[in-house]
Amino acid sequence: MSETNHPINEVLQTTMCKIREMVDANTVVGQPIVTQDGVTLIPVSKLSFGFATGGSDFGKTQGVAKNFGGGAGAGVSVNPVAFLVVQNGTVRLLPVATPAGDNVSRVVDLVPEMFDKVTGYIEKKNSEDKPE
């Protein structure tokens, strides 16, 4: 059996087809929503996906055309990131807040602020210690 007509190709093609149905440009940048007062909101999302597929031939049994077992799986994660707000000819980005439980992100966000405070303290201390 050649590689081009192997049953695993059918499994791969079906998996990719289903992922294409779930994931398209409208998933990342959503359909515009127009409010009654004329404001247009456009949702923007972060999209992550992955898939795996595999299979195996089970020996060469006489009289069996396809002696193949295989499977596939896929996962998609869509997380809202922001909204584009179009109002009176201007566009602005309205970010969606990160979850409060995300400790690593909070620490990374605080590093510049803490660095500034420590640097300010050291500079103040050095200026106090220098004789005039």
N, C-alpha and C. Protein backbone atom coordinates (compact mmCIF):
# COMPACT_ATOMS: atom_id res chain seq x y z
N MET A 1 0.85 -1.17 0.00
CA MET A 1 0.00 0.00 0.00
C MET A 1 0.90 1.23 0.00
N SER A 2 0.64 2.18 -0.90
CA SER A 2 1.49 3.37 -0.97
C SER A 2 1.10 4.37 0.11
N GLU A 3 2.02 5.30 0.37
CA GLU A 3 1.77 6.29 1.42
C GLU A 3 0.63 7.23 1.07
N THR A 4 0.39 7.48 -0.20
CA THR A 4 -0.65 8.44 -0.59
C THR A 4 -2.06 7.91 -0.38
N ASN A 5 -2.26 6.59 -0.41
CA ASN A 5 -3.60 6.06 -0.19
C ASN A 5 -3.69 5.21 1.08
N HIS A 6 -2.84 5.48 2.03
CA HIS A 6 -2.85 4.79 3.31
C HIS A 6 -4.02 5.31 4.15
N PRO A 7 -4.66 4.46 4.94
CA PRO A 7 -5.81 4.90 5.75
C PRO A 7 -5.51 6.05 6.71
N ILE A 8 -4.27 6.20 7.16
CA ILE A 8 -3.94 7.30 8.07
C ILE A 8 -4.16 8.65 7.40
N ASN A 9 -3.98 8.70 6.08
CA ASN A 9 -4.23 9.95 5.36
C ASN A 9 -5.69 10.38 5.47
N GLU A 10 -6.59 9.42 5.43
CA GLU A 10 -8.02 9.73 5.58
C GLU A 10 -8.31 10.27 6.98
N VAL A 11 -7.68 9.69 7.99
CA VAL A 11 -7.86 10.16 9.37
C VAL A 11 -7.33 11.59 9.49
N LEU A 12 -6.14 11.85 8.93
CA LEU A 12 -5.56 13.19 8.97
C LEU A 12 -6.44 14.20 8.24
N GLN A 13 -6.92 13.84 7.07
CA GLN A 13 -7.75 14.76 6.28
C GLN A 13 -9.04 15.10 7.02
N THR A 14 -9.67 14.12 7.64
CA THR A 14 -10.90 14.36 8.39
C THR A 14 -10.63 15.27 9.58
N THR A 15 -9.54 15.02 10.30
CA THR A 15 -9.19 15.85 11.45
C THR A 15 -8.95 17.29 11.03
N MET A 16 -8.15 17.50 10.00
CA MET A 16 -7.86 18.85 9.53
C MET A 16 -9.12 19.56 9.03
N CYS A 17 -10.00 18.84 8.37
CA CYS A 17 -11.26 19.42 7.88
C CYS A 17 -12.10 19.91 9.05
N LYS A 18 -12.20 19.12 10.11
CA LYS A 18 -12.99 19.51 11.28
C LYS A 18 -12.36 20.70 12.00
N ILE A 19 -11.02 20.75 12.07
CA ILE A 19 -10.35 21.90 12.69
C ILE A 19 -10.63 23.16 11.87
N ARG A 20 -10.57 23.05 10.55
CA ARG A 20 -10.86 24.21 9.69
C ARG A 20 -12.28 24.71 9.91
N GLU A 21 -13.21 23.81 10.16
CA GLU A 21 -14.59 24.22 10.42
C GLU A 21 -14.69 25.01 11.73
N MET A 22 -13.89 24.62 12.75
CA MET A 22 -13.94 25.29 14.05
C MET A 22 -13.15 26.59 14.07
N VAL A 23 -12.03 26.62 13.34
CA VAL A 23 -11.10 27.74 13.43
C VAL A 23 -11.06 28.48 12.10
N ASP A 24 -11.46 29.74 12.12
CA ASP A 24 -11.30 30.58 10.95
C ASP A 24 -11.03 32.00 11.41
N ALA A 25 -10.89 32.92 10.47
CA ALA A 25 -10.57 34.30 10.82
C ALA A 25 -11.63 34.92 11.72
N ASN A 26 -12.89 34.50 11.59
CA ASN A 26 -13.96 35.05 12.41
C ASN A 26 -13.86 34.60 13.87
N THR A 27 -13.06 33.59 14.14
CA THR A 27 -12.86 33.16 15.51
C THR A 27 -11.89 34.11 16.23
N VAL A 28 -10.88 34.60 15.52
CA VAL A 28 -9.90 35.49 16.11
C VAL A 28 -10.44 36.92 16.19
N VAL A 29 -10.90 37.43 15.08
CA VAL A 29 -11.53 38.76 15.03
C VAL A 29 -13.00 38.49 14.72
N GLY A 30 -13.85 38.68 15.73
CA GLY A 30 -15.25 38.30 15.62
C GLY A 30 -16.07 39.25 14.77
N GLN A 31 -17.32 38.89 14.60
CA GLN A 31 -18.26 39.71 13.84
C GLN A 31 -18.55 41.00 14.61
N PRO A 32 -18.59 42.13 13.92
CA PRO A 32 -18.89 43.41 14.59
C PRO A 32 -20.29 43.41 15.20
N ILE A 33 -20.39 44.04 16.36
CA ILE A 33 -21.66 44.19 17.05
C ILE A 33 -21.95 45.69 17.11
N VAL A 34 -23.08 46.10 16.53
CA VAL A 34 -23.44 47.52 16.52
C VAL A 34 -24.53 47.74 17.56
N THR A 35 -24.27 48.68 18.49
CA THR A 35 -25.24 48.98 19.54
C THR A 35 -26.25 50.01 19.03
N GLN A 36 -27.30 50.25 19.81
CA GLN A 36 -28.35 51.19 19.40
C GLN A 36 -27.83 52.62 19.27
N ASP A 37 -26.81 52.97 20.05
CA ASP A 37 -26.29 54.35 19.98
C ASP A 37 -25.17 54.51 18.95
N GLY A 38 -24.96 53.50 18.09
CA GLY A 38 -24.01 53.62 16.99
C GLY A 38 -22.60 53.20 17.29
N VAL A 39 -22.34 52.67 18.46
CA VAL A 39 -20.99 52.19 18.80
C VAL A 39 -20.83 50.78 18.24
N THR A 40 -19.69 50.54 17.59
CA THR A 40 -19.41 49.21 17.03
C THR A 40 -18.36 48.53 17.90
N LEU A 41 -18.65 47.32 18.35
CA LEU A 41 -17.72 46.52 19.15
C LEU A 41 -17.27 45.33 18.30
N ILE A 42 -15.96 45.14 18.24
CA ILE A 42 -15.40 44.01 17.49
C ILE A 42 -14.58 43.17 18.46
N PRO A 43 -15.04 41.95 18.77
CA PRO A 43 -14.29 41.11 19.70
C PRO A 43 -13.00 40.56 19.07
N VAL A 44 -11.93 40.52 19.89
CA VAL A 44 -10.64 39.97 19.47
C VAL A 44 -10.28 38.88 20.47
N SER A 45 -9.93 37.70 19.96
CA SER A 45 -9.64 36.56 20.82
C SER A 45 -8.29 35.95 20.50
N LYS A 46 -7.75 35.26 21.49
CA LYS A 46 -6.52 34.47 21.32
C LYS A 46 -6.96 33.04 21.07
N LEU A 47 -6.39 32.44 20.07
CA LEU A 47 -6.80 31.11 19.67
C LEU A 47 -5.61 30.16 19.76
N SER A 48 -5.81 29.02 20.43
CA SER A 48 -4.79 27.98 20.50
C SER A 48 -5.44 26.67 20.09
N PHE A 49 -4.75 25.89 19.31
CA PHE A 49 -5.30 24.60 18.95
C PHE A 49 -4.18 23.60 18.72
N GLY A 50 -4.54 22.36 18.83
CA GLY A 50 -3.59 21.30 18.59
C GLY A 50 -4.32 20.03 18.22
N PHE A 51 -3.62 19.15 17.58
CA PHE A 51 -4.23 17.87 17.25
C PHE A 51 -3.16 16.79 17.20
N ALA A 52 -3.63 15.58 17.34
CA ALA A 52 -2.75 14.42 17.26
C ALA A 52 -3.48 13.32 16.51
N THR A 53 -2.75 12.54 15.80
CA THR A 53 -3.33 11.43 15.07
C THR A 53 -2.32 10.30 15.02
N GLY A 54 -2.80 9.10 14.90
CA GLY A 54 -1.90 7.96 14.84
C GLY A 54 -2.64 6.70 14.42
N GLY A 55 -1.91 5.72 14.08
CA GLY A 55 -2.52 4.47 13.66
C GLY A 55 -1.50 3.37 13.51
N SER A 56 -2.01 2.20 13.24
CA SER A 56 -1.12 1.05 13.10
C SER A 56 -1.74 0.01 12.19
N ASP A 57 -0.91 -0.64 11.42
CA ASP A 57 -1.34 -1.79 10.62
C ASP A 57 -1.21 -3.03 11.49
N PHE A 58 -2.21 -3.92 11.41
CA PHE A 58 -2.22 -5.12 12.24
C PHE A 58 -1.97 -6.37 11.40
N GLY A 59 -0.75 -6.55 11.00
CA GLY A 59 -0.37 -7.77 10.30
C GLY A 59 -0.97 -7.87 8.91
N LYS A 60 -0.75 -8.98 8.31
CA LYS A 60 -1.24 -9.20 6.95
C LYS A 60 -2.17 -10.40 6.96
N THR A 61 -3.43 -10.14 7.26
CA THR A 61 -4.43 -11.19 7.27
C THR A 61 -4.95 -11.40 5.85
N GLN A 62 -5.05 -12.66 5.44
CA GLN A 62 -5.52 -12.97 4.10
C GLN A 62 -6.98 -12.57 3.94
N GLY A 63 -7.30 -11.95 2.81
CA GLY A 63 -8.68 -11.61 2.49
C GLY A 63 -9.19 -10.34 3.16
N VAL A 64 -8.36 -9.63 3.89
CA VAL A 64 -8.79 -8.38 4.53
C VAL A 64 -8.11 -7.24 3.80
N ALA A 65 -8.93 -6.36 3.19
CA ALA A 65 -8.38 -5.25 2.40
C ALA A 65 -7.67 -4.23 3.28
N LYS A 66 -8.33 -3.86 4.38
CA LYS A 66 -7.73 -2.88 5.28
C LYS A 66 -7.70 -3.45 6.68
N ASN A 67 -6.53 -3.66 7.18
CA ASN A 67 -6.36 -4.16 8.53
C ASN A 67 -5.63 -3.07 9.31
N PHE A 68 -6.33 -1.95 9.53
CA PHE A 68 -5.74 -0.74 10.08
C PHE A 68 -6.60 -0.23 11.22
N GLY A 69 -5.94 0.23 12.28
CA GLY A 69 -6.64 0.88 13.38
C GLY A 69 -6.00 2.23 13.62
N GLY A 70 -6.81 3.25 13.75
CA GLY A 70 -6.25 4.59 13.94
C GLY A 70 -7.22 5.50 14.67
N GLY A 71 -6.72 6.62 15.06
CA GLY A 71 -7.57 7.60 15.74
C GLY A 71 -6.95 8.97 15.70
N ALA A 72 -7.77 9.95 16.04
CA ALA A 72 -7.31 11.33 16.05
C ALA A 72 -8.04 12.09 17.14
N GLY A 73 -7.43 13.15 17.58
CA GLY A 73 -8.07 14.02 18.56
C GLY A 73 -7.60 15.45 18.35
N ALA A 74 -8.45 16.39 18.73
CA ALA A 74 -8.11 17.80 18.56
C ALA A 74 -8.66 18.59 19.73
N GLY A 75 -8.03 19.70 20.01
CA GLY A 75 -8.50 20.59 21.06
C GLY A 75 -8.33 22.03 20.61
N VAL A 76 -9.31 22.86 20.97
CA VAL A 76 -9.28 24.27 20.62
C VAL A 76 -9.57 25.08 21.87
N SER A 77 -8.82 26.14 22.08
CA SER A 77 -9.04 27.05 23.20
C SER A 77 -9.19 28.47 22.64
N VAL A 78 -10.30 29.12 22.97
CA VAL A 78 -10.54 30.49 22.54
C VAL A 78 -10.66 31.35 23.79
N ASN A 79 -9.77 32.34 23.94
CA ASN A 79 -9.78 33.24 25.09
C ASN A 79 -9.98 34.67 24.62
N PRO A 80 -10.97 35.37 25.16
CA PRO A 80 -11.16 36.77 24.77
C PRO A 80 -9.97 37.61 25.23
N VAL A 81 -9.51 38.50 24.37
CA VAL A 81 -8.37 39.35 24.68
C VAL A 81 -8.79 40.80 24.82
N ALA A 82 -9.59 41.29 23.86
CA ALA A 82 -9.95 42.71 23.87
C ALA A 82 -11.15 42.94 22.95
N PHE A 83 -11.62 44.17 22.99
CA PHE A 83 -12.64 44.63 22.05
C PHE A 83 -12.11 45.86 21.35
N LEU A 84 -12.31 45.94 20.04
CA LEU A 84 -12.07 47.18 19.32
C LEU A 84 -13.36 47.97 19.40
N VAL A 85 -13.28 49.20 19.89
CA VAL A 85 -14.47 50.04 20.03
C VAL A 85 -14.38 51.14 18.99
N VAL A 86 -15.34 51.16 18.07
CA VAL A 86 -15.38 52.18 17.03
C VAL A 86 -16.54 53.11 17.37
N GLN A 87 -16.19 54.39 17.62
CA GLN A 87 -17.21 55.36 18.03
C GLN A 87 -16.83 56.73 17.51
N ASN A 88 -17.75 57.37 16.81
CA ASN A 88 -17.55 58.72 16.26
C ASN A 88 -16.27 58.84 15.45
N GLY A 89 -15.98 57.85 14.63
CA GLY A 89 -14.82 57.90 13.75
C GLY A 89 -13.49 57.58 14.42
N THR A 90 -13.49 57.22 15.70
CA THR A 90 -12.24 56.85 16.38
C THR A 90 -12.30 55.39 16.79
N VAL A 91 -11.13 54.80 16.85
CA VAL A 91 -11.03 53.39 17.24
C VAL A 91 -10.13 53.31 18.46
N ARG A 92 -10.57 52.56 19.47
CA ARG A 92 -9.71 52.34 20.64
C ARG A 92 -9.79 50.87 21.03
N LEU A 93 -8.78 50.42 21.72
CA LEU A 93 -8.69 49.04 22.16
C LEU A 93 -9.08 48.96 23.62
N LEU A 94 -10.06 48.13 23.92
CA LEU A 94 -10.51 47.93 25.29
C LEU A 94 -10.11 46.52 25.71
N PRO A 95 -8.98 46.38 26.46
CA PRO A 95 -8.51 45.04 26.82
C PRO A 95 -9.42 44.38 27.84
N VAL A 96 -9.46 43.07 27.79
CA VAL A 96 -10.18 42.28 28.77
C VAL A 96 -9.20 41.98 29.89
N ALA A 97 -9.60 42.20 31.13
CA ALA A 97 -8.71 42.02 32.28
C ALA A 97 -8.28 40.57 32.41
N THR A 98 -7.04 40.38 32.87
CA THR A 98 -6.54 39.03 33.12
C THR A 98 -7.16 38.51 34.41
N PRO A 99 -7.31 37.21 34.54
CA PRO A 99 -7.91 36.66 35.75
C PRO A 99 -7.05 36.95 36.98
N ALA A 100 -7.71 37.18 38.10
CA ALA A 100 -7.01 37.52 39.34
C ALA A 100 -6.12 36.39 39.84
N GLY A 101 -6.42 35.15 39.50
CA GLY A 101 -5.67 34.01 40.00
C GLY A 101 -4.39 33.72 39.26
N ASP A 102 -4.07 34.49 38.24
CA ASP A 102 -2.88 34.25 37.43
C ASP A 102 -1.68 34.92 38.10
N ASN A 103 -1.07 34.25 39.06
CA ASN A 103 0.00 34.83 39.87
C ASN A 103 1.24 35.20 39.08
N VAL A 104 1.61 34.38 38.12
CA VAL A 104 2.82 34.65 37.35
C VAL A 104 2.66 35.95 36.57
N SER A 105 1.52 36.15 35.95
CA SER A 105 1.28 37.39 35.20
C SER A 105 1.29 38.59 36.12
N ARG A 106 0.71 38.46 37.31
CA ARG A 106 0.69 39.58 38.26
C ARG A 106 2.10 39.94 38.69
N VAL A 107 2.95 38.94 38.93
CA VAL A 107 4.33 39.20 39.34
C VAL A 107 5.08 39.90 38.20
N VAL A 108 4.91 39.43 36.98
CA VAL A 108 5.58 40.04 35.83
C VAL A 108 5.12 41.49 35.67
N ASP A 109 3.82 41.75 35.87
CA ASP A 109 3.30 43.11 35.77
C ASP A 109 3.86 44.02 36.86
N LEU A 110 4.16 43.47 38.03
CA LEU A 110 4.64 44.28 39.14
C LEU A 110 6.15 44.55 39.10
N VAL A 111 6.90 43.78 38.33
CA VAL A 111 8.36 43.91 38.31
C VAL A 111 8.81 45.34 37.97
N PRO A 112 8.31 45.97 36.90
CA PRO A 112 8.78 47.34 36.61
C PRO A 112 8.47 48.32 37.75
N GLU A 113 7.30 48.22 38.35
CA GLU A 113 6.93 49.11 39.45
C GLU A 113 7.86 48.91 40.65
N MET A 114 8.12 47.65 40.99
CA MET A 114 9.01 47.36 42.11
C MET A 114 10.44 47.82 41.81
N PHE A 115 10.89 47.64 40.58
CA PHE A 115 12.22 48.09 40.18
C PHE A 115 12.36 49.60 40.37
N ASP A 116 11.34 50.35 39.94
CA ASP A 116 11.36 51.80 40.10
C ASP A 116 11.41 52.19 41.58
N LYS A 117 10.65 51.51 42.42
CA LYS A 117 10.64 51.82 43.85
C LYS A 117 11.99 51.54 44.49
N VAL A 118 12.58 50.40 44.17
CA VAL A 118 13.88 50.04 44.74
C VAL A 118 14.95 51.01 44.26
N THR A 119 14.95 51.35 42.96
CA THR A 119 15.92 52.28 42.41
C THR A 119 15.77 53.65 43.08
N GLY A 120 14.54 54.10 43.25
CA GLY A 120 14.29 55.38 43.92
C GLY A 120 14.79 55.38 45.35
N TYR A 121 14.57 54.29 46.06
CA TYR A 121 15.03 54.17 47.44
C TYR A 121 16.55 54.21 47.52
N ILE A 122 17.23 53.48 46.63
CA ILE A 122 18.70 53.44 46.63
C ILE A 122 19.25 54.82 46.31
N GLU A 123 18.68 55.50 45.32
CA GLU A 123 19.15 56.83 44.96
C GLU A 123 18.96 57.81 46.12
N LYS A 124 17.81 57.70 46.79
CA LYS A 124 17.55 58.58 47.94
C LYS A 124 18.54 58.30 49.06
N LYS A 125 18.80 57.05 49.33
CA LYS A 125 19.73 56.65 50.38
C LYS A 125 21.14 57.14 50.06
N ASN A 126 21.56 57.00 48.79
CA ASN A 126 22.90 57.44 48.38
C ASN A 126 23.04 58.95 48.52
N SER A 127 22.01 59.70 48.18
CA SER A 127 22.10 61.15 48.27
C SER A 127 22.13 61.61 49.72
N GLU A 128 21.50 60.86 50.63
CA GLU A 128 21.52 61.20 52.06
C GLU A 128 22.88 60.88 52.67
N ASP A 129 23.55 59.83 52.18
CA ASP A 129 24.82 59.40 52.74
C ASP A 129 26.00 60.26 52.29
N LYS A 130 25.87 60.97 51.16
CA LYS A 130 26.98 61.77 50.64
C LYS A 130 27.14 63.03 51.47
N PRO A 131 28.36 63.31 51.92
CA PRO A 131 28.60 64.56 52.66
C PRO A 131 28.60 65.74 51.68
N GLU A 132 28.09 66.86 52.16
CA GLU A 132 28.05 68.04 51.29
C GLU A 132 29.16 68.96 51.54
